[in-house]
């Protein structure tokens, strides 16, 4: 898959050494691993059966997250128009072959 970054994410995650400095060794390495997994996949469906991906709800309904640790998540979205990725009103994971990384965040604020 093609992986792009928002400006905010790009400043913290690229290059690889900056990611480790920004998030620390444990979280930084997990972020880099997840990005490598995204790049190796043909589409999001290839990663769907892993336990660490989920569609978000509410004000983040066009975004997804993947687990980095018990508290940390990598937030991303399909790149482009959300409606282009829908099928019968739901996200078609097979259509998503380009994503944009938005941020990494600690859901529990620790």
C-alpha atoms as a PDB file:
ATOM      1  CA  UNK A   1       0.000   0.000   0.000  1.00  0.00           C
ATOM      2  CA  UNK A   2       0.983   3.576  -0.487  1.00  0.00           C
ATOM      3  CA  UNK A   3       1.618   5.367   2.819  1.00  0.00           C
ATOM      4  CA  UNK A   4       1.580   9.150   3.203  1.00  0.00           C
ATOM      5  CA  UNK A   5       1.635  11.391   6.263  1.00  0.00           C
ATOM      6  CA  UNK A   6      -0.082  14.549   7.466  1.00  0.00           C
ATOM      7  CA  UNK A   7       2.392  17.378   8.065  1.00  0.00           C
ATOM      8  CA  UNK A   8       2.078  16.881  11.833  1.00  0.00           C
ATOM      9  CA  UNK A   9       2.828  13.154  11.579  1.00  0.00           C
ATOM     10  CA  UNK A  10       5.605  13.648   9.032  1.00  0.00           C
ATOM     11  CA  UNK A  11       7.540  15.911  11.394  1.00  0.00           C
ATOM     12  CA  UNK A  12       7.459  13.295  14.156  1.00  0.00           C
ATOM     13  CA  UNK A  13       7.798  10.058  12.162  1.00  0.00           C
ATOM     14  CA  UNK A  14      10.224  10.715   9.312  1.00  0.00           C
ATOM     15  CA  UNK A  15      13.010   9.876   9.029  1.00  0.00           C
ATOM     16  CA  UNK A  16      13.087   6.691  11.106  1.00  0.00           C
ATOM     17  CA  UNK A  17      15.523   8.093  13.688  1.00  0.00           C
ATOM     18  CA  UNK A  18      13.195  11.043  14.264  1.00  0.00           C
ATOM     19  CA  UNK A  19      10.376   8.603  15.039  1.00  0.00           C
ATOM     20  CA  UNK A  20      12.492   6.943  17.733  1.00  0.00           C
ATOM     21  CA  UNK A  21      13.431  10.342  19.199  1.00  0.00           C
ATOM     22  CA  UNK A  22       9.831  11.609  19.133  1.00  0.00           C
ATOM     23  CA  UNK A  23       8.148   8.560  20.657  1.00  0.00           C
ATOM     24  CA  UNK A  24      10.896   6.641  22.415  1.00  0.00           C
ATOM     25  CA  UNK A  25      12.346   3.275  21.515  1.00  0.00           C
ATOM     26  CA  UNK A  26       9.340   1.021  22.272  1.00  0.00           C
ATOM     27  CA  UNK A  27       6.596   3.104  20.635  1.00  0.00           C
ATOM     28  CA  UNK A  28       8.875   4.353  17.841  1.00  0.00           C
ATOM     29  CA  UNK A  29       9.816   0.813  16.810  1.00  0.00           C
ATOM     30  CA  UNK A  30       6.154  -0.282  16.842  1.00  0.00           C
ATOM     31  CA  UNK A  31       5.217   2.683  14.625  1.00  0.00           C
ATOM     32  CA  UNK A  32       7.967   1.786  12.159  1.00  0.00           C
ATOM     33  CA  UNK A  33       6.865  -1.878  12.193  1.00  0.00           C
ATOM     34  CA  UNK A  34       3.234  -0.958  11.478  1.00  0.00           C
ATOM     35  CA  UNK A  35       4.270   1.371   8.642  1.00  0.00           C
ATOM     36  CA  UNK A  36       6.383  -1.435   7.138  1.00  0.00           C
ATOM     37  CA  UNK A  37       3.376  -3.779   7.402  1.00  0.00           C
ATOM     38  CA  UNK A  38       1.160  -1.231   5.642  1.00  0.00           C
ATOM     39  CA  UNK A  39       3.701  -0.873   2.837  1.00  0.00           C
ATOM     40  CA  UNK A  40       4.006  -4.640   2.415  1.00  0.00           C
ATOM     41  CA  UNK A  41       0.225  -5.119   2.108  1.00  0.00           C
ATOM     42  CA  UNK A  42      -1.628  -4.804  -1.191  1.00  0.00           C
ATOM     43  CA  UNK A  43      -4.720  -3.403   0.513  1.00  0.00           C
ATOM     44  CA  UNK A  44      -6.091  -2.940   4.009  1.00  0.00           C
ATOM     45  CA  UNK A  45      -7.942  -6.270   3.755  1.00  0.00           C
ATOM     46  CA  UNK A  46      -4.538  -8.009   3.964  1.00  0.00           C
ATOM     47  CA  UNK A  47      -4.234  -6.665   7.536  1.00  0.00           C
ATOM     48  CA  UNK A  48      -7.857  -6.916   8.617  1.00  0.00           C
ATOM     49  CA  UNK A  49      -7.620 -10.238  10.446  1.00  0.00           C
ATOM     50  CA  UNK A  50      -4.932  -8.950  12.764  1.00  0.00           C
ATOM     51  CA  UNK A  51      -6.234  -7.942  16.140  1.00  0.00           C
ATOM     52  CA  UNK A  52      -4.801  -4.471  16.034  1.00  0.00           C
ATOM     53  CA  UNK A  53      -6.964  -2.664  13.418  1.00  0.00           C
ATOM     54  CA  UNK A  54     -10.330  -1.026  14.047  1.00  0.00           C
ATOM     55  CA  UNK A  55     -12.639   1.531  12.476  1.00  0.00           C
ATOM     56  CA  UNK A  56     -13.227   4.551  14.687  1.00  0.00           C
ATOM     57  CA  UNK A  57     -16.587   6.115  15.478  1.00  0.00           C
ATOM     58  CA  UNK A  58     -18.119   9.486  16.338  1.00  0.00           C
ATOM     59  CA  UNK A  59     -16.117  12.507  15.219  1.00  0.00           C
ATOM     60  CA  UNK A  60     -13.430  10.130  13.907  1.00  0.00           C
ATOM     61  CA  UNK A  61     -15.717   7.942  11.791  1.00  0.00           C
ATOM     62  CA  UNK A  62     -13.560   8.350   8.662  1.00  0.00           C
ATOM     63  CA  UNK A  63     -10.452   7.206  10.532  1.00  0.00           C
ATOM     64  CA  UNK A  64      -9.022   3.896  11.659  1.00  0.00           C
ATOM     65  CA  UNK A  65      -6.515   2.936  14.295  1.00  0.00           C
ATOM     66  CA  UNK A  66      -4.067   0.151  14.851  1.00  0.00           C
ATOM     67  CA  UNK A  67      -2.728  -0.926  18.217  1.00  0.00           C
ATOM     68  CA  UNK A  68       0.872  -0.166  19.079  1.00  0.00           C
ATOM     69  CA  UNK A  69       0.706  -1.061  22.787  1.00  0.00           C
ATOM     70  CA  UNK A  70      -2.112  -1.425  25.307  1.00  0.00           C
ATOM     71  CA  UNK A  71      -2.474   2.380  25.395  1.00  0.00           C
ATOM     72  CA  UNK A  72      -0.943   3.687  22.158  1.00  0.00           C
ATOM     73  CA  UNK A  73      -2.657   3.717  18.744  1.00  0.00           C
ATOM     74  CA  UNK A  74      -1.539   4.758  15.275  1.00  0.00           C
ATOM     75  CA  UNK A  75      -4.368   6.789  13.708  1.00  0.00           C
ATOM     76  CA  UNK A  76      -4.788   6.730   9.924  1.00  0.00           C
ATOM     77  CA  UNK A  77      -7.371   7.149   7.180  1.00  0.00           C
ATOM     78  CA  UNK A  78      -7.842   6.039   3.601  1.00  0.00           C
ATOM     79  CA  UNK A  79      -6.170   8.600   1.353  1.00  0.00           C
ATOM     80  CA  UNK A  80      -8.625  10.561  -0.751  1.00  0.00           C
ATOM     81  CA  UNK A  81     -12.405  10.730  -0.699  1.00  0.00           C
ATOM     82  CA  UNK A  82     -13.973   8.532   2.017  1.00  0.00           C
ATOM     83  CA  UNK A  83     -17.018   7.796  -0.160  1.00  0.00           C
ATOM     84  CA  UNK A  84     -14.773   6.182  -2.800  1.00  0.00           C
ATOM     85  CA  UNK A  85     -13.972   3.434  -0.282  1.00  0.00           C
ATOM     86  CA  UNK A  86     -17.541   2.634   0.698  1.00  0.00           C
ATOM     87  CA  UNK A  87     -19.558  -0.355  -0.441  1.00  0.00           C
ATOM     88  CA  UNK A  88     -23.192  -0.652   0.687  1.00  0.00           C
ATOM     89  CA  UNK A  89     -22.554   2.087   3.261  1.00  0.00           C
ATOM     90  CA  UNK A  90     -19.602   0.333   4.926  1.00  0.00           C
ATOM     91  CA  UNK A  91     -15.870   0.622   4.448  1.00  0.00           C
ATOM     92  CA  UNK A  92     -14.599  -1.817   1.828  1.00  0.00           C
ATOM     93  CA  UNK A  93     -11.219  -2.873   3.177  1.00  0.00           C
ATOM     94  CA  UNK A  94     -10.282  -4.340  -0.215  1.00  0.00           C
ATOM     95  CA  UNK A  95     -10.616  -0.908  -1.862  1.00  0.00           C
ATOM     96  CA  UNK A  96      -8.187   0.802   0.523  1.00  0.00           C
ATOM     97  CA  UNK A  97      -4.745   0.676  -1.063  1.00  0.00           C
ATOM     98  CA  UNK A  98      -3.547   4.145   0.000  1.00  0.00           C
ATOM     99  CA  UNK A  99      -3.528   5.543   3.526  1.00  0.00           C
ATOM    100  CA  UNK A 100      -2.495   8.702   5.323  1.00  0.00           C
ATOM    101  CA  UNK A 101      -0.969   8.470   8.791  1.00  0.00           C
ATOM    102  CA  UNK A 102      -2.500  11.157  11.003  1.00  0.00           C
ATOM    103  CA  UNK A 103      -0.839  10.688  14.378  1.00  0.00           C
ATOM    104  CA  UNK A 104       0.198   8.319  17.123  1.00  0.00           C
ATOM    105  CA  UNK A 105      -1.529   8.902  20.430  1.00  0.00           C
ATOM    106  CA  UNK A 106      -1.865   7.547  23.922  1.00  0.00           C
ATOM    107  CA  UNK A 107      -5.598   6.870  24.303  1.00  0.00           C
ATOM    108  CA  UNK A 108      -5.299   6.801  28.070  1.00  0.00           C
ATOM    109  CA  UNK A 109      -3.067   9.840  28.446  1.00  0.00           C
ATOM    110  CA  UNK A 110      -0.309   8.064  30.338  1.00  0.00           C
END
